[in-house]
C-alpha atoms as a PDB file:
ATOM      1  CA  MET A   1      -4.263  -3.280  78.801  1.00  0.00           C
ATOM      2  CA  ASN A   2      -4.638  -6.709  77.986  1.00  0.00           C
ATOM      3  CA  ILE A   3      -5.132  -7.874  81.807  1.00  0.00           C
ATOM      4  CA  LYS A   4      -3.549 -11.504  81.003  1.00  0.00           C
ATOM      5  CA  LYS A   5      -0.292  -9.939  80.291  1.00  0.00           C
ATOM      6  CA  ILE A   6      -0.313  -7.707  83.567  1.00  0.00           C
ATOM      7  CA  ALA A   7      -0.723 -10.737  85.601  1.00  0.00           C
ATOM      8  CA  THR A   8       2.252 -12.349  83.723  1.00  0.00           C
ATOM      9  CA  GLY A   9       4.176  -9.119  83.944  1.00  0.00           C
ATOM     10  CA  LEU A  10       3.406  -8.895  87.600  1.00  0.00           C
ATOM     11  CA  LEU A  11       4.476 -12.428  88.350  1.00  0.00           C
ATOM     12  CA  LEU A  12       7.864 -11.911  87.016  1.00  0.00           C
ATOM     13  CA  ALA A  13       8.526  -8.470  89.175  1.00  0.00           C
ATOM     14  CA  LEU A  14       7.835 -10.726  92.151  1.00  0.00           C
ATOM     15  CA  VAL A  15      10.799 -13.140  91.428  1.00  0.00           C
ATOM     16  CA  VAL A  16      12.966  -9.765  91.009  1.00  0.00           C
ATOM     17  CA  LEU A  17      11.873  -8.135  94.080  1.00  0.00           C
ATOM     18  CA  CYS A  18      11.596 -10.691  96.566  1.00  0.00           C
ATOM     19  CA  VAL A  19      11.525 -14.883  96.180  1.00  0.00           C
ATOM     20  CA  PRO A  20      14.776 -16.950  97.080  1.00  0.00           C
ATOM     21  CA  ALA A  21      15.849 -19.625  94.511  1.00  0.00           C
ATOM     22  CA  VAL A  22      18.778 -22.189  93.723  1.00  0.00           C
ATOM     23  CA  TYR A  23      20.663 -22.946  90.619  1.00  0.00           C
ATOM     24  CA  ALA A  24      19.568 -26.017  88.313  1.00  0.00           C
ATOM     25  CA  ALA A  25      21.422 -27.663  85.516  1.00  0.00           C
ATOM     26  CA  ASP A  26      19.074 -29.567  83.041  1.00  0.00           C
ATOM     27  CA  ASN A  27      21.038 -32.619  83.884  1.00  0.00           C
ATOM     28  CA  GLY A  28      18.203 -34.573  85.964  1.00  0.00           C
ATOM     29  CA  THR A  29      19.317 -33.063  89.509  1.00  0.00           C
ATOM     30  CA  GLU A  30      17.405 -31.919  92.015  1.00  0.00           C
ATOM     31  CA  PHE A  31      18.480 -29.577  95.211  1.00  0.00           C
ATOM     32  CA  GLY A  32      15.601 -29.458  97.869  1.00  0.00           C
ATOM     33  CA  ILE A  33      14.927 -27.728 100.956  1.00  0.00           C
ATOM     34  CA  GLU A  34      12.656 -29.255 103.923  1.00  0.00           C
ATOM     35  CA  ASP A  35      12.309 -26.385 105.465  1.00  0.00           C
ATOM     36  CA  ASP A  36      13.092 -22.838 105.206  1.00  0.00           C
ATOM     37  CA  LEU A  37      15.335 -21.049 102.407  1.00  0.00           C
ATOM     38  CA  SER A  38      17.097 -17.580 103.152  1.00  0.00           C
ATOM     39  CA  VAL A  39      18.945 -15.738 100.977  1.00  0.00           C
ATOM     40  CA  PHE A  40      21.038 -12.624 102.861  1.00  0.00           C
ATOM     41  CA  GLY A  41      22.660 -11.261  99.819  1.00  0.00           C
ATOM     42  CA  ALA A  42      21.605  -7.600  99.379  1.00  0.00           C
ATOM     43  CA  GLN A  43      24.077  -6.174  97.393  1.00  0.00           C
ATOM     44  CA  GLY A  44      22.858  -7.392  93.735  1.00  0.00           C
ATOM     45  CA  THR A  45      23.660  -5.869  90.731  1.00  0.00           C
ATOM     46  CA  ALA A  46      21.812  -5.757  87.557  1.00  0.00           C
ATOM     47  CA  LEU A  47      23.787  -8.429  85.523  1.00  0.00           C
ATOM     48  CA  ASP A  48      24.241 -10.295  89.067  1.00  0.00           C
ATOM     49  CA  PRO A  49      21.350 -10.547  91.198  1.00  0.00           C
ATOM     50  CA  ASP A  50      21.562 -11.507  94.848  1.00  0.00           C
ATOM     51  CA  VAL A  51      18.574 -14.281  93.177  1.00  0.00           C
ATOM     52  CA  GLU A  52      18.461 -15.739  89.781  1.00  0.00           C
ATOM     53  CA  ILE A  53      16.044 -18.155  88.630  1.00  0.00           C
ATOM     54  CA  LYS A  54      16.567 -19.312  84.686  1.00  0.00           C
ATOM     55  CA  GLY A  55      13.716 -21.387  83.987  1.00  0.00           C
ATOM     56  CA  PHE A  56      10.360 -22.290  84.331  1.00  0.00           C
ATOM     57  CA  THR A  57       9.354 -21.645  88.345  1.00  0.00           C
ATOM     58  CA  VAL A  58       6.413 -22.674  90.086  1.00  0.00           C
ATOM     59  CA  PHE A  59       5.378 -21.189  93.719  1.00  0.00           C
ATOM     60  CA  GLY A  60       2.939 -23.472  95.291  1.00  0.00           C
ATOM     61  CA  ALA A  61       1.348 -27.245  94.057  1.00  0.00           C
ATOM     62  CA  THR A  62       2.574 -28.290  90.839  1.00  0.00           C
ATOM     63  CA  GLN A  63      -0.184 -29.461  88.189  1.00  0.00           C
ATOM     64  CA  SER A  64      -0.299 -30.760  84.355  1.00  0.00           C
ATOM     65  CA  ALA A  65      -1.288 -27.565  83.525  1.00  0.00           C
ATOM     66  CA  TYR A  66      -1.600 -24.174  84.177  1.00  0.00           C
ATOM     67  CA  VAL A  67      -4.596 -21.509  82.924  1.00  0.00           C
ATOM     68  CA  GLY A  68      -3.597 -18.703  81.196  1.00  0.00           C
ATOM     69  CA  ALA A  69       0.279 -19.384  82.035  1.00  0.00           C
ATOM     70  CA  VAL A  70       3.377 -19.562  79.061  1.00  0.00           C
ATOM     71  CA  VAL A  71       5.283 -22.916  80.691  1.00  0.00           C
ATOM     72  CA  GLY A  72       8.618 -21.695  79.528  1.00  0.00           C
ATOM     73  CA  THR A  73      11.798 -20.140  80.299  1.00  0.00           C
ATOM     74  CA  GLY A  74      11.670 -17.089  82.648  1.00  0.00           C
ATOM     75  CA  SER A  75       7.954 -17.774  83.506  1.00  0.00           C
ATOM     76  CA  VAL A  76       6.423 -17.875  86.901  1.00  0.00           C
ATOM     77  CA  VAL A  77       3.154 -19.488  88.183  1.00  0.00           C
ATOM     78  CA  ILE A  78       1.873 -18.289  91.840  1.00  0.00           C
ATOM     79  CA  ASN A  79      -0.625 -21.404  93.226  1.00  0.00           C
ATOM     80  CA  GLY A  80      -1.476 -19.184  95.880  1.00  0.00           C
ATOM     81  CA  HIS A  81      -1.666 -15.687  97.081  1.00  0.00           C
ATOM     82  CA  LEU A  82       0.587 -13.124  95.750  1.00  0.00           C
ATOM     83  CA  ALA A  83       1.493  -9.708  98.160  1.00  0.00           C
ATOM     84  CA  VAL A  84       3.782  -7.296  96.706  1.00  0.00           C
ATOM     85  CA  SER A  85       4.473  -4.572  99.575  1.00  0.00           C
ATOM     86  CA  SER A  86       5.689  -1.734  97.602  1.00  0.00           C
ATOM     87  CA  GLY A  87       5.006  -0.911  93.611  1.00  0.00           C
ATOM     88  CA  ALA A  88       4.890  -3.229  91.032  1.00  0.00           C
ATOM     89  CA  TYR A  89       5.553  -2.161  87.250  1.00  0.00           C
ATOM     90  CA  PHE A  90       3.861  -4.010  84.183  1.00  0.00           C
ATOM     91  CA  VAL A  91       5.787  -3.865  80.576  1.00  0.00           C
ATOM     92  CA  ALA A  92       3.144  -5.759  78.806  1.00  0.00           C
ATOM     93  CA  ASN A  93      -0.368  -6.118  78.859  1.00  0.00           C
ATOM     94  CA  SER A  94      -1.552  -8.749  81.666  1.00  0.00           C
ATOM     95  CA  THR A  95      -5.092 -10.189  82.738  1.00  0.00           C
ATOM     96  CA  PHE A  96      -6.325 -10.606  85.789  1.00  0.00           C
ATOM     97  CA  ALA A  97      -8.877 -13.618  86.362  1.00  0.00           C
ATOM     98  CA  ALA A  98      -8.894 -13.276  90.184  1.00  0.00           C
ATOM     99  CA  GLY A  99      -7.967 -10.720  93.400  1.00  0.00           C
ATOM    100  CA  SER A 100      -4.379 -10.309  94.043  1.00  0.00           C
ATOM    101  CA  TYR A 101      -2.323  -8.826  97.023  1.00  0.00           C
ATOM    102  CA  PHE A 102       1.093  -7.673  96.985  1.00  0.00           C
ATOM    103  CA  MET A 103       4.174  -8.099  99.834  1.00  0.00           C
ATOM    104  CA  GLY A 104       8.218  -9.607 100.191  1.00  0.00           C
ATOM    105  CA  SER A 105       9.799 -12.943 102.724  1.00  0.00           C
ATOM    106  CA  SER A 106      46.079 -50.059 114.270  1.00  0.00           C
ATOM    107  CA  THR A 107      77.374 -73.733 120.539  1.00  0.00           C
ATOM    108  CA  PHE A 108      77.803 -76.142 122.193  1.00  0.00           C
ATOM    109  CA  ALA A 109      80.967 -78.314 121.453  1.00  0.00           C
ATOM    110  CA  ALA A 110      80.071 -81.335 122.934  1.00  0.00           C
ATOM    111  CA  THR A 111      76.531 -82.267 124.071  1.00  0.00           C
ATOM    112  CA  VAL A 112      75.727 -82.848 128.302  1.00  0.00           C
ATOM    113  CA  ASN A 113      72.524 -85.166 128.915  1.00  0.00           C
ATOM    114  CA  LEU A 114      71.143 -84.497 132.442  1.00  0.00           C
ATOM    115  CA  PRO A 115      67.787 -86.291 133.856  1.00  0.00           C
ATOM    116  CA  ALA A 116      67.157 -82.627 135.840  1.00  0.00           C
ATOM    117  CA  PRO A 117      69.324 -79.143 136.565  1.00  0.00           C
ATOM    118  CA  THR A 118      69.341 -80.211 140.336  1.00  0.00           C
ATOM    119  CA  SER A 119      71.740 -83.325 138.639  1.00  0.00           C
ATOM    120  CA  LEU A 120      74.426 -80.562 138.382  1.00  0.00           C
ATOM    121  CA  TYR A 121      76.491 -79.168 141.630  1.00  0.00           C
ATOM    122  CA  VAL A 122      78.904 -76.671 141.340  1.00  0.00           C
ATOM    123  CA  SER A 123      80.190 -74.896 144.831  1.00  0.00           C
ATOM    124  CA  GLY A 124      80.294 -71.241 145.110  1.00  0.00           C
ATOM    125  CA  GLY A 125      77.890 -68.588 144.038  1.00  0.00           C
ATOM    126  CA  SER A 126      74.709 -67.328 145.289  1.00  0.00           C
ATOM    127  CA  ASN A 127      71.085 -67.533 144.491  1.00  0.00           C
ATOM    128  CA  GLY A 128      70.290 -65.892 141.173  1.00  0.00           C
ATOM    129  CA  GLN A 129      73.979 -65.718 139.849  1.00  0.00           C
ATOM    130  CA  VAL A 130      75.002 -67.704 136.229  1.00  0.00           C
ATOM    131  CA  MET A 131      77.892 -69.535 135.278  1.00  0.00           C
ATOM    132  CA  THR A 132      80.593 -67.115 132.638  1.00  0.00           C
ATOM    133  CA  LYS A 133      83.882 -67.798 131.389  1.00  0.00           C
ATOM    134  CA  ASN A 134      86.946 -66.009 132.181  1.00  0.00           C
ATOM    135  CA  THR A 135      88.593 -64.849 129.223  1.00  0.00           C
ATOM    136  CA  THR A 136      92.053 -64.341 131.365  1.00  0.00           C
ATOM    137  CA  THR A 137      92.418 -67.882 132.968  1.00  0.00           C
ATOM    138  CA  GLY A 138      90.219 -69.751 130.874  1.00  0.00           C
ATOM    139  CA  ALA A 139      87.958 -71.105 133.946  1.00  0.00           C
ATOM    140  CA  MET A 140      84.488 -70.635 134.489  1.00  0.00           C
ATOM    141  CA  GLN A 141      83.494 -68.127 137.105  1.00  0.00           C
ATOM    142  CA  TRP A 142      80.084 -67.300 138.803  1.00  0.00           C
ATOM    143  CA  ALA A 143      79.050 -63.611 138.243  1.00  0.00           C
ATOM    144  CA  ASP A 144      75.998 -61.515 137.958  1.00  0.00           C
ATOM    145  CA  VAL A 145      73.375 -61.208 135.509  1.00  0.00           C
ATOM    146  CA  SER A 146      73.498 -57.032 135.977  1.00  0.00           C
ATOM    147  CA  ALA A 147      77.333 -56.912 136.061  1.00  0.00           C
ATOM    148  CA  MET A 148      77.856 -59.014 132.909  1.00  0.00           C
ATOM    149  CA  VAL A 149      75.920 -57.651 130.176  1.00  0.00           C
ATOM    150  CA  SER A 150      73.346 -54.640 129.765  1.00  0.00           C
ATOM    151  CA  GLY A 151      71.459 -56.549 127.195  1.00  0.00           C
ATOM    152  CA  ASP A 152      71.284 -60.115 125.768  1.00  0.00           C
ATOM    153  CA  ASN A 153      73.149 -59.742 122.493  1.00  0.00           C
ATOM    154  CA  LEU A 154      69.964 -60.155 120.317  1.00  0.00           C
ATOM    155  CA  GLY A 155      71.861 -57.803 117.715  1.00  0.00           C
ATOM    156  CA  SER A 156      73.852 -60.551 116.224  1.00  0.00           C
ATOM    157  CA  HIS A 157      71.165 -63.250 116.838  1.00  0.00           C
ATOM    158  CA  ILE A 158      69.596 -64.632 114.354  1.00  0.00           C
ATOM    159  CA  ALA A 159      65.811 -66.575 115.142  1.00  0.00           C
ATOM    160  CA  THR A 160      65.217 -69.080 114.077  1.00  0.00           C
ATOM    161  CA  THR A 161      62.050 -69.673 115.649  1.00  0.00           C
ATOM    162  CA  THR A 162      59.220 -67.495 117.253  1.00  0.00           C
ATOM    163  CA  LEU A 163      59.697 -65.439 120.511  1.00  0.00           C
ATOM    164  CA  GLN A 164      56.965 -66.175 122.729  1.00  0.00           C
ATOM    165  CA  MET A 165      56.635 -63.516 125.384  1.00  0.00           C
ATOM    166  CA  GLY A 166      53.138 -65.005 126.978  1.00  0.00           C
ATOM    167  CA  ASN A 167      52.523 -63.185 129.560  1.00  0.00           C
ATOM    168  CA  PHE A 168      55.930 -61.495 130.557  1.00  0.00           C
ATOM    169  CA  GLY A 169      57.199 -58.291 130.508  1.00  0.00           C
ATOM    170  CA  ILE A 170      57.422 -55.605 128.023  1.00  0.00           C
ATOM    171  CA  VAL A 171      60.568 -55.835 125.715  1.00  0.00           C
ATOM    172  CA  ASN A 172      62.154 -52.057 125.841  1.00  0.00           C
ATOM    173  CA  VAL A 173      64.287 -51.066 122.376  1.00  0.00           C
ATOM    174  CA  ALA A 174      65.302 -47.702 121.194  1.00  0.00           C
ATOM    175  CA  SER A 175      64.098 -48.860 117.604  1.00  0.00           C
ATOM    176  CA  ILE A 176      62.911 -52.010 115.490  1.00  0.00           C
ATOM    177  CA  THR A 177      63.565 -52.469 111.894  1.00  0.00           C
ATOM    178  CA  ALA A 178      61.460 -55.427 110.541  1.00  0.00           C
ATOM    179  CA  ASN A 179      61.817 -55.844 106.672  1.00  0.00           C
ATOM    180  CA  GLY A 180      59.088 -58.110 106.997  1.00  0.00           C
ATOM    181  CA  TYR A 181      55.492 -58.416 108.475  1.00  0.00           C
ATOM    182  CA  ILE A 182      54.878 -57.792 111.936  1.00  0.00           C
ATOM    183  CA  THR A 183      52.003 -59.338 113.498  1.00  0.00           C
ATOM    184  CA  THR A 184      50.354 -58.828 116.914  1.00  0.00           C
ATOM    185  CA  HIS A 185      47.318 -60.206 117.931  1.00  0.00           C
ATOM    186  CA  SER A 186      46.740 -57.846 121.343  1.00  0.00           C
ATOM    187  CA  SER A 187      47.544 -53.993 121.384  1.00  0.00           C
ATOM    188  CA  MET A 188      50.641 -52.127 120.819  1.00  0.00           C
ATOM    189  CA  THR A 189      51.479 -49.067 122.419  1.00  0.00           C
ATOM    190  CA  VAL A 190      53.759 -46.849 120.473  1.00  0.00           C
ATOM    191  CA  ASP A 191      54.735 -43.670 122.668  1.00  0.00           C
ATOM    192  CA  GLY A 192      57.436 -42.071 120.149  1.00  0.00           C
ATOM    193  CA  ALA A 193      57.230 -41.412 116.417  1.00  0.00           C
ATOM    194  CA  ALA A 194      57.057 -44.327 114.476  1.00  0.00           C
ATOM    195  CA  GLY A 195      58.481 -44.367 110.637  1.00  0.00           C
ATOM    196  CA  ILE A 196      57.146 -46.981 108.239  1.00  0.00           C
ATOM    197  CA  GLY A 197      58.543 -47.178 104.528  1.00  0.00           C
ATOM    198  CA  GLY A 198      56.469 -49.466 103.337  1.00  0.00           C
ATOM    199  CA  VAL A 199      52.860 -50.785 103.470  1.00  0.00           C
ATOM    200  CA  LEU A 200      51.004 -50.414 106.955  1.00  0.00           C
ATOM    201  CA  ASN A 201      48.185 -53.421 106.926  1.00  0.00           C
ATOM    202  CA  VAL A 202      45.986 -53.000 109.794  1.00  0.00           C
ATOM    203  CA  ASN A 203      43.235 -55.762 110.063  1.00  0.00           C
ATOM    204  CA  GLY A 204      41.533 -54.315 113.263  1.00  0.00           C
ATOM    205  CA  ASP A 205      40.893 -51.189 114.415  1.00  0.00           C
ATOM    206  CA  VAL A 206      43.046 -48.369 114.807  1.00  0.00           C
ATOM    207  CA  ASP A 207      42.818 -45.736 117.823  1.00  0.00           C
ATOM    208  CA  LEU A 208      44.591 -42.865 117.618  1.00  0.00           C
ATOM    209  CA  ASN A 209      44.678 -40.420 120.581  1.00  0.00           C
ATOM    210  CA  ALA A 210      46.547 -37.886 118.524  1.00  0.00           C
ATOM    211  CA  LYS A 211      47.017 -36.626 114.819  1.00  0.00           C
ATOM    212  CA  LEU A 212      47.068 -38.431 112.242  1.00  0.00           C
ATOM    213  CA  ASN A 213      49.591 -36.982 109.545  1.00  0.00           C
ATOM    214  CA  VAL A 214      49.912 -38.444 106.068  1.00  0.00           C
ATOM    215  CA  ASP A 215      52.419 -36.456 104.048  1.00  0.00           C
ATOM    216  CA  GLY A 216      51.457 -38.490 100.700  1.00  0.00           C
ATOM    217  CA  THR A 217      48.379 -40.218  99.309  1.00  0.00           C
ATOM    218  CA  SER A 218      45.990 -42.556 101.699  1.00  0.00           C
ATOM    219  CA  THR A 219      43.912 -44.858 100.629  1.00  0.00           C
ATOM    220  CA  PHE A 220      40.661 -46.071 103.126  1.00  0.00           C
ATOM    221  CA  VAL A 221      38.988 -49.204 102.008  1.00  0.00           C
ATOM    222  CA  SER A 222      36.948 -49.621 104.938  1.00  0.00           C
ATOM    223  CA  SER A 223      35.237 -47.484 106.901  1.00  0.00           C
ATOM    224  CA  VAL A 224      36.972 -44.614 109.057  1.00  0.00           C
ATOM    225  CA  THR A 225      35.003 -42.662 111.942  1.00  0.00           C
ATOM    226  CA  ALA A 226      36.567 -39.437 112.679  1.00  0.00           C
ATOM    227  CA  ARG A 227      35.643 -38.005 116.304  1.00  0.00           C
ATOM    228  CA  GLY A 228      36.114 -35.006 117.623  1.00  0.00           C
ATOM    229  CA  ASN A 229      37.191 -31.755 115.682  1.00  0.00           C
ATOM    230  CA  ASN A 230      38.400 -32.708 112.445  1.00  0.00           C
ATOM    231  CA  LYS A 231      39.790 -30.572 109.372  1.00  0.00           C
ATOM    232  CA  PHE A 232      40.455 -31.683 105.411  1.00  0.00           C
ATOM    233  CA  GLY A 233      43.423 -29.511 103.892  1.00  0.00           C
ATOM    234  CA  ASN A 234      45.485 -26.537 105.409  1.00  0.00           C
ATOM    235  CA  ALA A 235      44.981 -24.085 102.575  1.00  0.00           C
ATOM    236  CA  THR A 236      41.969 -22.385 100.392  1.00  0.00           C
ATOM    237  CA  THR A 237      43.958 -24.299  97.460  1.00  0.00           C
ATOM    238  CA  ASN A 238      44.026 -27.823  98.703  1.00  0.00           C
ATOM    239  CA  LEU A 239      41.640 -29.845  96.514  1.00  0.00           C
ATOM    240  CA  HIS A 240      39.307 -32.724  98.094  1.00  0.00           C
ATOM    241  CA  GLY A 241      37.089 -35.506  96.292  1.00  0.00           C
ATOM    242  CA  MET A 242      34.343 -37.632  97.710  1.00  0.00           C
ATOM    243  CA  ASN A 243      34.102 -41.234  95.377  1.00  0.00           C
ATOM    244  CA  MET A 244      36.043 -39.583  93.088  1.00  0.00           C
ATOM    245  CA  ASP A 245      39.345 -38.076  92.302  1.00  0.00           C
ATOM    246  CA  PRO A 246      39.661 -34.453  93.288  1.00  0.00           C
ATOM    247  CA  ALA A 247      38.783 -31.863  90.581  1.00  0.00           C
ATOM    248  CA  ALA A 248      41.155 -28.726  89.402  1.00  0.00           C
ATOM    249  CA  GLY A 249      39.981 -25.720  90.771  1.00  0.00           C
ATOM    250  CA  THR A 250      37.143 -27.375  93.182  1.00  0.00           C
ATOM    251  CA  ALA A 251      37.869 -27.301  96.954  1.00  0.00           C
ATOM    252  CA  LEU A 252      35.095 -30.247  97.394  1.00  0.00           C
ATOM    253  CA  SER A 253      34.047 -32.727  94.671  1.00  0.00           C
ATOM    254  CA  VAL A 254      31.301 -35.307  95.416  1.00  0.00           C
ATOM    255  CA  ALA A 255      30.329 -38.041  92.945  1.00  0.00           C
ATOM    256  CA  GLY A 256      27.148 -40.051  93.161  1.00  0.00           C
ATOM    257  CA  THR A 257      25.159 -42.468  91.275  1.00  0.00           C
ATOM    258  CA  THR A 258      23.057 -42.196  88.540  1.00  0.00           C
ATOM    259  CA  ASN A 259      20.081 -43.940  89.563  1.00  0.00           C
ATOM    260  CA  SER A 260      16.786 -42.152  89.847  1.00  0.00           C
ATOM    261  CA  GLY A 261      16.076 -41.528  93.279  1.00  0.00           C
ATOM    262  CA  ASP A 262      19.793 -41.637  94.693  1.00  0.00           C
ATOM    263  CA  TYR A 263      21.429 -38.707  97.097  1.00  0.00           C
ATOM    264  CA  VAL A 264      24.070 -37.103  96.271  1.00  0.00           C
ATOM    265  CA  ALA A 265      24.419 -35.701  99.458  1.00  0.00           C
ATOM    266  CA  LYS A 266      21.792 -34.763 102.205  1.00  0.00           C
ATOM    267  CA  PHE A 267      22.005 -32.475 105.438  1.00  0.00           C
ATOM    268  CA  TYR A 268      20.746 -32.945 108.816  1.00  0.00           C
ATOM    269  CA  SER A 269      19.530 -30.986 111.757  1.00  0.00           C
ATOM    270  CA  GLY A 270      19.647 -33.974 114.056  1.00  0.00           C
ATOM    271  CA  ALA A 271      17.828 -36.588 112.813  1.00  0.00           C
ATOM    272  CA  SER A 272      16.000 -34.616 110.441  1.00  0.00           C
ATOM    273  CA  PRO A 273      16.849 -33.745 106.892  1.00  0.00           C
ATOM    274  CA  VAL A 274      16.996 -30.116 106.068  1.00  0.00           C
ATOM    275  CA  ALA A 275      18.461 -29.799 102.722  1.00  0.00           C
ATOM    276  CA  TRP A 276      19.430 -32.650  99.865  1.00  0.00           C
ATOM    277  CA  MET A 277      20.491 -33.266  96.104  1.00  0.00           C
ATOM    278  CA  ARG A 278      19.944 -36.257  94.643  1.00  0.00           C
ATOM    279  CA  LYS A 279      18.912 -37.612  90.688  1.00  0.00           C
ATOM    280  CA  LYS A 280      15.545 -37.108  89.687  1.00  0.00           C
END
């Protein structure tokens, strides 16, 4: 039996028995592992093995040529020692050029002008009261603000200038309907539910201390930092896309550049990269 053919058959047997691998299509994509790669499947069959490597495979250092090897689909080169813990079967002739070892591994009606409010005196009344009209006698009367109205009738008031609150108290209302923009230059707290039927533009940071529920599509133009535990989707039928629209039948679709050396994805353990996918 030819010794060269025996060596080739032996290397193929090693791949089937114990060598972990990664699928790779011929589109210039590289999947890398910084440290160990372990494959724990143990129910492989003849047509669906736990590990499959379709193309030319090299274990150890690569080089421009390999003495005695056929560079092609299914061929394997071992640039190091080969150990097999159990038996090996060689279909064709193999060649041994050196020794080998085997094992597994976010309205006023008129205008009254006074120099000052202190020029006007009206008897009666107490500190803090205001004058109001008695609709029965037609005369003015003193009244407490709190007994007069429970609000300031803003419901029928049309503002013609900006309402300046300065450093005064908070306005408490049951609801606010804005047909135009609302601009706030400081923080705003919404303790209940807020419904926005149009576009919400936020030029600063949005700090959400509870959940953000988006029932339709949502587009984030700038960066988004999600702290704590996060969940994308609530069913296995949900589709997600990064840098692209979700693809049918795919839970997560990720698009990277086509520039050589750019990464599609990188995975870290702490600050250390452990695996990646990039364009070769």
